[in-house]
PDB file of all heavy atoms in Angstrom:
ATOM      1  N   ASN A   1      -6.937 -26.937 -17.875  1.00  0.00           N
ATOM      2  CA  ASN A   1      -6.161 -26.579 -16.690  1.00  0.00           C
ATOM      3  C   ASN A   1      -6.121 -25.078 -16.425  1.00  0.00           C
ATOM      4  O   ASN A   1      -5.712 -24.660 -15.335  1.00  0.00           O
ATOM      5  CB  ASN A   1      -4.724 -27.100 -16.815  1.00  0.00           C
ATOM      6  CG  ASN A   1      -4.623 -28.554 -16.422  1.00  0.00           C
ATOM      7  OD1 ASN A   1      -5.496 -29.095 -15.761  1.00  0.00           O
ATOM      8  ND2 ASN A   1      -3.559 -29.202 -16.844  1.00  0.00           N
ATOM      9  N   VAL A   2      -6.522 -24.262 -17.369  1.00  0.00           N
ATOM     10  CA  VAL A   2      -6.520 -22.812 -17.131  1.00  0.00           C
ATOM     11  C   VAL A   2      -7.891 -22.334 -16.680  1.00  0.00           C
ATOM     12  O   VAL A   2      -8.115 -21.129 -16.557  1.00  0.00           O
ATOM     13  CB  VAL A   2      -6.070 -22.028 -18.390  1.00  0.00           C
ATOM     14  CG1 VAL A   2      -4.729 -22.524 -18.886  1.00  0.00           C
ATOM     15  CG2 VAL A   2      -7.115 -22.116 -19.493  1.00  0.00           C
ATOM     16  N   ALA A   3      -8.820 -23.257 -16.380  1.00  0.00           N
ATOM     17  CA  ALA A   3     -10.182 -22.869 -16.019  1.00  0.00           C
ATOM     18  C   ALA A   3     -10.206 -21.976 -14.786  1.00  0.00           C
ATOM     19  O   ALA A   3     -10.842 -20.914 -14.788  1.00  0.00           O
ATOM     20  CB  ALA A   3     -11.041 -24.125 -15.795  1.00  0.00           C
ATOM     21  N   TYR A   4      -9.553 -22.395 -13.720  1.00  0.00           N
ATOM     22  CA  TYR A   4      -9.585 -21.605 -12.478  1.00  0.00           C
ATOM     23  C   TYR A   4      -8.814 -20.289 -12.616  1.00  0.00           C
ATOM     24  O   TYR A   4      -9.342 -19.225 -12.254  1.00  0.00           O
ATOM     25  CB  TYR A   4      -9.032 -22.438 -11.326  1.00  0.00           C
ATOM     26  CG  TYR A   4      -9.423 -21.910  -9.961  1.00  0.00           C
ATOM     27  CD1 TYR A   4     -10.588 -22.343  -9.336  1.00  0.00           C
ATOM     28  CD2 TYR A   4      -8.627 -20.982  -9.288  1.00  0.00           C
ATOM     29  CE1 TYR A   4     -10.950 -21.866  -8.085  1.00  0.00           C
ATOM     30  CE2 TYR A   4      -8.983 -20.502  -8.046  1.00  0.00           C
ATOM     31  CZ  TYR A   4     -10.144 -20.952  -7.440  1.00  0.00           C
ATOM     32  OH  TYR A   4     -10.508 -20.455  -6.201  1.00  0.00           O
ATOM     33  N   PRO A   5      -7.574 -20.308 -13.135  1.00  0.00           N
ATOM     34  CA  PRO A   5      -6.874 -19.029 -13.296  1.00  0.00           C
ATOM     35  C   PRO A   5      -7.630 -18.036 -14.178  1.00  0.00           C
ATOM     36  O   PRO A   5      -7.660 -16.836 -13.873  1.00  0.00           O
ATOM     37  CB  PRO A   5      -5.540 -19.438 -13.943  1.00  0.00           C
ATOM     38  CG  PRO A   5      -5.339 -20.847 -13.525  1.00  0.00           C
ATOM     39  CD  PRO A   5      -6.704 -21.444 -13.483  1.00  0.00           C
ATOM     40  N   LYS A   6      -8.252 -18.518 -15.252  1.00  0.00           N
ATOM     41  CA  LYS A   6      -8.969 -17.605 -16.141  1.00  0.00           C
ATOM     42  C   LYS A   6     -10.172 -16.990 -15.422  1.00  0.00           C
ATOM     43  O   LYS A   6     -10.466 -15.807 -15.590  1.00  0.00           O
ATOM     44  CB  LYS A   6      -9.424 -18.319 -17.404  1.00  0.00           C
ATOM     45  CG  LYS A   6     -10.075 -17.375 -18.431  1.00  0.00           C
ATOM     46  CD  LYS A   6     -10.260 -18.035 -19.756  1.00  0.00           C
ATOM     47  CE  LYS A   6     -10.876 -17.058 -20.769  1.00  0.00           C
ATOM     48  NZ  LYS A   6      -9.991 -15.897 -21.031  1.00  0.00           N
ATOM     49  N   LEU A   7     -10.853 -17.797 -14.629  1.00  0.00           N
ATOM     50  CA  LEU A   7     -11.992 -17.284 -13.876  1.00  0.00           C
ATOM     51  C   LEU A   7     -11.551 -16.181 -12.913  1.00  0.00           C
ATOM     52  O   LEU A   7     -12.215 -15.152 -12.771  1.00  0.00           O
ATOM     53  CB  LEU A   7     -12.652 -18.429 -13.106  1.00  0.00           C
ATOM     54  CG  LEU A   7     -14.103 -18.254 -12.679  1.00  0.00           C
ATOM     55  CD1 LEU A   7     -15.012 -18.153 -13.894  1.00  0.00           C
ATOM     56  CD2 LEU A   7     -14.543 -19.419 -11.806  1.00  0.00           C
ATOM     57  N   VAL A   8     -10.431 -16.401 -12.258  1.00  0.00           N
ATOM     58  CA  VAL A   8      -9.908 -15.398 -11.324  1.00  0.00           C
ATOM     59  C   VAL A   8      -9.591 -14.097 -12.049  1.00  0.00           C
ATOM     60  O   VAL A   8      -9.996 -13.003 -11.629  1.00  0.00           O
ATOM     61  CB  VAL A   8      -8.644 -15.935 -10.615  1.00  0.00           C
ATOM     62  CG1 VAL A   8      -7.965 -14.824  -9.825  1.00  0.00           C
ATOM     63  CG2 VAL A   8      -9.001 -17.094  -9.706  1.00  0.00           C
ATOM     64  N   LEU A   9      -8.878 -14.208 -13.146  1.00  0.00           N
ATOM     65  CA  LEU A   9      -8.414 -13.011 -13.844  1.00  0.00           C
ATOM     66  C   LEU A   9      -9.537 -12.288 -14.582  1.00  0.00           C
ATOM     67  O   LEU A   9      -9.458 -11.078 -14.806  1.00  0.00           O
ATOM     68  CB  LEU A   9      -7.304 -13.394 -14.827  1.00  0.00           C
ATOM     69  CG  LEU A   9      -6.047 -13.989 -14.175  1.00  0.00           C
ATOM     70  CD1 LEU A   9      -5.062 -14.448 -15.237  1.00  0.00           C
ATOM     71  CD2 LEU A   9      -5.398 -12.983 -13.245  1.00  0.00           C
ATOM     72  N   GLU A  10     -10.594 -12.997 -14.963  1.00  0.00           N
ATOM     73  CA  GLU A  10     -11.686 -12.377 -15.710  1.00  0.00           C
ATOM     74  C   GLU A  10     -12.768 -11.781 -14.805  1.00  0.00           C
ATOM     75  O   GLU A  10     -13.335 -10.740 -15.113  1.00  0.00           O
ATOM     76  CB  GLU A  10     -12.331 -13.403 -16.654  1.00  0.00           C
ATOM     77  CG  GLU A  10     -11.444 -13.897 -17.773  1.00  0.00           C
ATOM     78  CD  GLU A  10     -11.290 -12.872 -18.892  1.00  0.00           C
ATOM     79  OE1 GLU A  10     -11.959 -11.813 -18.840  1.00  0.00           O
ATOM     80  OE2 GLU A  10     -10.500 -13.118 -19.815  1.00  0.00           O
ATOM     81  N   LEU A  11     -13.064 -12.457 -13.692  1.00  0.00           N
ATOM     82  CA  LEU A  11     -14.225 -12.060 -12.892  1.00  0.00           C
ATOM     83  C   LEU A  11     -13.896 -11.203 -11.678  1.00  0.00           C
ATOM     84  O   LEU A  11     -14.714 -10.379 -11.271  1.00  0.00           O
ATOM     85  CB  LEU A  11     -14.979 -13.312 -12.408  1.00  0.00           C
ATOM     86  CG  LEU A  11     -15.685 -14.168 -13.457  1.00  0.00           C
ATOM     87  CD1 LEU A  11     -16.527 -15.236 -12.769  1.00  0.00           C
ATOM     88  CD2 LEU A  11     -16.568 -13.316 -14.366  1.00  0.00           C
ATOM     89  N   MET A  12     -12.743 -11.422 -11.075  1.00  0.00           N
ATOM     90  CA  MET A  12     -12.475 -10.777  -9.793  1.00  0.00           C
ATOM     91  C   MET A  12     -12.140  -9.305  -9.985  1.00  0.00           C
ATOM     92  O   MET A  12     -11.351  -8.936 -10.864  1.00  0.00           O
ATOM     93  CB  MET A  12     -11.324 -11.484  -9.081  1.00  0.00           C
ATOM     94  CG  MET A  12     -11.616 -12.942  -8.761  1.00  0.00           C
ATOM     95  SD  MET A  12     -13.024 -13.152  -7.671  1.00  0.00           S
ATOM     96  CE  MET A  12     -12.270 -12.803  -6.096  1.00  0.00           C
ATOM     97  N   PRO A  13     -12.710  -8.438  -9.144  1.00  0.00           N
ATOM     98  CA  PRO A  13     -12.381  -7.013  -9.203  1.00  0.00           C
ATOM     99  C   PRO A  13     -11.010  -6.737  -8.597  1.00  0.00           C
ATOM    100  O   PRO A  13     -10.393  -7.620  -7.991  1.00  0.00           O
ATOM    101  CB  PRO A  13     -13.489  -6.363  -8.371  1.00  0.00           C
ATOM    102  CG  PRO A  13     -13.907  -7.426  -7.412  1.00  0.00           C
ATOM    103  CD  PRO A  13     -13.754  -8.722  -8.145  1.00  0.00           C
ATOM    104  N   VAL A  14     -10.558  -5.502  -8.743  1.00  0.00           N
ATOM    105  CA  VAL A  14      -9.264  -5.102  -8.198  1.00  0.00           C
ATOM    106  C   VAL A  14      -9.259  -5.326  -6.689  1.00  0.00           C
ATOM    107  O   VAL A  14     -10.225  -5.037  -5.990  1.00  0.00           O
ATOM    108  CB  VAL A  14      -8.979  -3.621  -8.520  1.00  0.00           C
ATOM    109  CG1 VAL A  14      -7.737  -3.147  -7.778  1.00  0.00           C
ATOM    110  CG2 VAL A  14      -8.803  -3.440 -10.020  1.00  0.00           C
ATOM    111  N   GLY A  15      -8.184  -5.815  -6.175  1.00  0.00           N
ATOM    112  CA  GLY A  15      -8.088  -6.130  -4.755  1.00  0.00           C
ATOM    113  C   GLY A  15      -8.402  -7.585  -4.508  1.00  0.00           C
ATOM    114  O   GLY A  15      -7.577  -8.326  -3.966  1.00  0.00           O
ATOM    115  N   LEU A  16      -9.595  -8.018  -4.908  1.00  0.00           N
ATOM    116  CA  LEU A  16      -9.955  -9.425  -4.762  1.00  0.00           C
ATOM    117  C   LEU A  16      -9.145 -10.303  -5.713  1.00  0.00           C
ATOM    118  O   LEU A  16      -8.861 -11.459  -5.414  1.00  0.00           O
ATOM    119  CB  LEU A  16     -11.453  -9.616  -5.011  1.00  0.00           C
ATOM    120  CG  LEU A  16     -12.383  -9.067  -3.925  1.00  0.00           C
ATOM    121  CD1 LEU A  16     -13.836  -9.300  -4.299  1.00  0.00           C
ATOM    122  CD2 LEU A  16     -12.068  -9.686  -2.572  1.00  0.00           C
ATOM    123  N   ARG A  17      -8.783  -9.729  -6.856  1.00  0.00           N
ATOM    124  CA  ARG A  17      -7.920 -10.481  -7.761  1.00  0.00           C
ATOM    125  C   ARG A  17      -6.571 -10.738  -7.092  1.00  0.00           C
ATOM    126  O   ARG A  17      -6.004 -11.819  -7.194  1.00  0.00           O
ATOM    127  CB  ARG A  17      -7.730  -9.712  -9.068  1.00  0.00           C
ATOM    128  CG  ARG A  17      -7.097 -10.533 -10.182  1.00  0.00           C
ATOM    129  CD  ARG A  17      -6.922  -9.688 -11.425  1.00  0.00           C
ATOM    130  NE  ARG A  17      -8.195  -9.129 -11.864  1.00  0.00           N
ATOM    131  CZ  ARG A  17      -8.321  -8.012 -12.571  1.00  0.00           C
ATOM    132  NH1 ARG A  17      -7.241  -7.325 -12.917  1.00  0.00           N
ATOM    133  NH2 ARG A  17      -9.498  -7.570 -12.934  1.00  0.00           N
ATOM    134  N   GLY A  18      -6.071  -9.761  -6.395  1.00  0.00           N
ATOM    135  CA  GLY A  18      -4.839  -9.946  -5.633  1.00  0.00           C
ATOM    136  C   GLY A  18      -5.015 -10.955  -4.515  1.00  0.00           C
ATOM    137  O   GLY A  18      -4.110 -11.740  -4.217  1.00  0.00           O
ATOM    138  N   LEU A  19      -6.216 -10.948  -3.875  1.00  0.00           N
ATOM    139  CA  LEU A  19      -6.491 -11.922  -2.826  1.00  0.00           C
ATOM    140  C   LEU A  19      -6.454 -13.344  -3.375  1.00  0.00           C
ATOM    141  O   LEU A  19      -5.880 -14.249  -2.753  1.00  0.00           O
ATOM    142  CB  LEU A  19      -7.859 -11.640  -2.193  1.00  0.00           C
ATOM    143  CG  LEU A  19      -8.342 -12.668  -1.162  1.00  0.00           C
ATOM    144  CD1 LEU A  19      -7.433 -12.650   0.054  1.00  0.00           C
ATOM    145  CD2 LEU A  19      -9.782 -12.378  -0.747  1.00  0.00           C
ATOM    146  N   LEU A  20      -7.061 -13.552  -4.549  1.00  0.00           N
ATOM    147  CA  LEU A  20      -7.041 -14.894  -5.139  1.00  0.00           C
ATOM    148  C   LEU A  20      -5.645 -15.286  -5.595  1.00  0.00           C
ATOM    149  O   LEU A  20      -5.284 -16.462  -5.573  1.00  0.00           O
ATOM    150  CB  LEU A  20      -8.027 -14.967  -6.300  1.00  0.00           C
ATOM    151  CG  LEU A  20      -9.404 -15.539  -5.967  1.00  0.00           C
ATOM    152  CD1 LEU A  20      -9.291 -17.007  -5.558  1.00  0.00           C
ATOM    153  CD2 LEU A  20     -10.076 -14.753  -4.836  1.00  0.00           C
ATOM    154  N   MET A  21      -4.851 -14.305  -5.996  1.00  0.00           N
ATOM    155  CA  MET A  21      -3.452 -14.605  -6.286  1.00  0.00           C
ATOM    156  C   MET A  21      -2.754 -15.072  -5.014  1.00  0.00           C
ATOM    157  O   MET A  21      -1.971 -16.040  -5.035  1.00  0.00           O
ATOM    158  CB  MET A  21      -2.754 -13.354  -6.835  1.00  0.00           C
ATOM    159  CG  MET A  21      -1.306 -13.584  -7.234  1.00  0.00           C
ATOM    160  SD  MET A  21      -1.172 -14.715  -8.630  1.00  0.00           S
ATOM    161  CE  MET A  21       0.598 -14.921  -8.725  1.00  0.00           C
ATOM    162  N   ALA A  22      -3.073 -14.435  -3.902  1.00  0.00           N
ATOM    163  CA  ALA A  22      -2.520 -14.857  -2.620  1.00  0.00           C
ATOM    164  C   ALA A  22      -2.992 -16.264  -2.259  1.00  0.00           C
ATOM    165  O   ALA A  22      -2.257 -17.045  -1.650  1.00  0.00           O
ATOM    166  CB  ALA A  22      -2.911 -13.871  -1.525  1.00  0.00           C
ATOM    167  N   VAL A  23      -4.244 -16.596  -2.634  1.00  0.00           N
ATOM    168  CA  VAL A  23      -4.758 -17.950  -2.391  1.00  0.00           C
ATOM    169  C   VAL A  23      -3.900 -18.980  -3.123  1.00  0.00           C
ATOM    170  O   VAL A  23      -3.512 -20.011  -2.564  1.00  0.00           O
ATOM    171  CB  VAL A  23      -6.230 -18.057  -2.833  1.00  0.00           C
ATOM    172  CG1 VAL A  23      -6.684 -19.504  -2.888  1.00  0.00           C
ATOM    173  CG2 VAL A  23      -7.124 -17.261  -1.901  1.00  0.00           C
ATOM    174  N   MET A  24      -3.617 -18.708  -4.385  1.00  0.00           N
ATOM    175  CA  MET A  24      -2.807 -19.647  -5.153  1.00  0.00           C
ATOM    176  C   MET A  24      -1.392 -19.742  -4.580  1.00  0.00           C
ATOM    177  O   MET A  24      -0.818 -20.833  -4.489  1.00  0.00           O
ATOM    178  CB  MET A  24      -2.748 -19.208  -6.616  1.00  0.00           C
ATOM    179  CG  MET A  24      -4.074 -19.305  -7.338  1.00  0.00           C
ATOM    180  SD  MET A  24      -4.729 -20.991  -7.372  1.00  0.00           S
ATOM    181  CE  MET A  24      -3.444 -21.845  -8.259  1.00  0.00           C
ATOM    182  N   LEU A  25      -0.843 -18.606  -4.173  1.00  0.00           N
ATOM    183  CA  LEU A  25       0.476 -18.635  -3.560  1.00  0.00           C
ATOM    184  C   LEU A  25       0.447 -19.427  -2.254  1.00  0.00           C
ATOM    185  O   LEU A  25       1.388 -20.157  -1.928  1.00  0.00           O
ATOM    186  CB  LEU A  25       0.971 -17.208  -3.307  1.00  0.00           C
ATOM    187  CG  LEU A  25       1.215 -16.359  -4.555  1.00  0.00           C
ATOM    188  CD1 LEU A  25       1.603 -14.937  -4.163  1.00  0.00           C
ATOM    189  CD2 LEU A  25       2.303 -16.976  -5.419  1.00  0.00           C
ATOM    190  N   SER A  26      -0.658 -19.297  -1.490  1.00  0.00           N
ATOM    191  CA  SER A  26      -0.805 -20.065  -0.252  1.00  0.00           C
ATOM    192  C   SER A  26      -0.790 -21.554  -0.550  1.00  0.00           C
ATOM    193  O   SER A  26      -0.145 -22.349   0.154  1.00  0.00           O
ATOM    194  CB  SER A  26      -2.120 -19.700   0.446  1.00  0.00           C
ATOM    195  OG  SER A  26      -2.111 -18.378   0.901  1.00  0.00           O
ATOM    196  N   ALA A  27      -1.534 -21.948  -1.603  1.00  0.00           N
ATOM    197  CA  ALA A  27      -1.597 -23.361  -1.953  1.00  0.00           C
ATOM    198  C   ALA A  27      -0.222 -23.892  -2.347  1.00  0.00           C
ATOM    199  O   ALA A  27       0.181 -24.993  -1.950  1.00  0.00           O
ATOM    200  CB  ALA A  27      -2.594 -23.562  -3.096  1.00  0.00           C
ATOM    201  N   ILE A  28       0.502 -23.101  -3.136  1.00  0.00           N
ATOM    202  CA  ILE A  28       1.833 -23.524  -3.562  1.00  0.00           C
ATOM    203  C   ILE A  28       2.767 -23.642  -2.366  1.00  0.00           C
ATOM    204  O   ILE A  28       3.428 -24.660  -2.149  1.00  0.00           O
ATOM    205  CB  ILE A  28       2.422 -22.528  -4.581  1.00  0.00           C
ATOM    206  CG1 ILE A  28       1.521 -22.420  -5.812  1.00  0.00           C
ATOM    207  CG2 ILE A  28       3.826 -22.953  -4.991  1.00  0.00           C
ATOM    208  CD1 ILE A  28       1.861 -21.235  -6.700  1.00  0.00           C
ATOM    209  N   MET A  29       2.793 -22.596  -1.540  1.00  0.00           N
ATOM    210  CA  MET A  29       3.761 -22.543  -0.453  1.00  0.00           C
ATOM    211  C   MET A  29       3.471 -23.582   0.624  1.00  0.00           C
ATOM    212  O   MET A  29       4.387 -24.185   1.182  1.00  0.00           O
ATOM    213  CB  MET A  29       3.795 -21.134   0.135  1.00  0.00           C
ATOM    214  CG  MET A  29       4.316 -20.096  -0.841  1.00  0.00           C
ATOM    215  SD  MET A  29       4.186 -18.403  -0.225  1.00  0.00           S
ATOM    216  CE  MET A  29       5.396 -18.418   1.083  1.00  0.00           C
ATOM    217  N   SER A  30       2.185 -23.794   0.939  1.00  0.00           N
ATOM    218  CA  SER A  30       1.862 -24.779   1.976  1.00  0.00           C
ATOM    219  C   SER A  30       2.258 -26.182   1.527  1.00  0.00           C
ATOM    220  O   SER A  30       2.732 -26.996   2.335  1.00  0.00           O
ATOM    221  CB  SER A  30       0.372 -24.725   2.320  1.00  0.00           C
ATOM    222  OG  SER A  30      -0.424 -25.041   1.190  1.00  0.00           O
ATOM    223  N   SER A  31       2.077 -26.477   0.231  1.00  0.00           N
ATOM    224  CA  SER A  31       2.493 -27.790  -0.276  1.00  0.00           C
ATOM    225  C   SER A  31       4.008 -27.943  -0.229  1.00  0.00           C
ATOM    226  O   SER A  31       4.536 -28.972   0.202  1.00  0.00           O
ATOM    227  CB  SER A  31       1.999 -27.980  -1.711  1.00  0.00           C
ATOM    228  OG  SER A  31       0.602 -28.007  -1.768  1.00  0.00           O
ATOM    229  N   LEU A  32       4.718 -26.909  -0.654  1.00  0.00           N
ATOM    230  CA  LEU A  32       6.171 -26.991  -0.704  1.00  0.00           C
ATOM    231  C   LEU A  32       6.780 -27.121   0.682  1.00  0.00           C
ATOM    232  O   LEU A  32       7.679 -27.935   0.909  1.00  0.00           O
ATOM    233  CB  LEU A  32       6.747 -25.762  -1.422  1.00  0.00           C
ATOM    234  CG  LEU A  32       6.443 -25.646  -2.917  1.00  0.00           C
ATOM    235  CD1 LEU A  32       7.025 -24.361  -3.481  1.00  0.00           C
ATOM    236  CD2 LEU A  32       6.987 -26.836  -3.684  1.00  0.00           C
ATOM    237  N   THR A  33       6.295 -26.325   1.651  1.00  0.00           N
ATOM    238  CA  THR A  33       6.866 -26.396   2.992  1.00  0.00           C
ATOM    239  C   THR A  33       6.624 -27.761   3.618  1.00  0.00           C
ATOM    240  O   THR A  33       7.488 -28.301   4.308  1.00  0.00           O
ATOM    241  CB  THR A  33       6.273 -25.311   3.901  1.00  0.00           C
ATOM    242  OG1 THR A  33       4.835 -25.394   3.887  1.00  0.00           O
ATOM    243  CG2 THR A  33       6.682 -23.924   3.441  1.00  0.00           C
ATOM    244  N   SER A  34       5.447 -28.324   3.381  1.00  0.00           N
ATOM    245  CA  SER A  34       5.146 -29.644   3.923  1.00  0.00           C
ATOM    246  C   SER A  34       6.090 -30.690   3.347  1.00  0.00           C
ATOM    247  O   SER A  34       6.605 -31.561   4.059  1.00  0.00           O
ATOM    248  CB  SER A  34       3.695 -30.018   3.618  1.00  0.00           C
ATOM    249  OG  SER A  34       2.801 -29.075   4.164  1.00  0.00           O
TER     250      SER A  34
END
């Protein structure tokens, strides 16, 4: 279950790592609001 988060934190450069964090937050928030 840590496959995707580890890939984000290991491979993404500065800035894009924050973007992928925003992606995960988007996924969480869109599910919760629905």
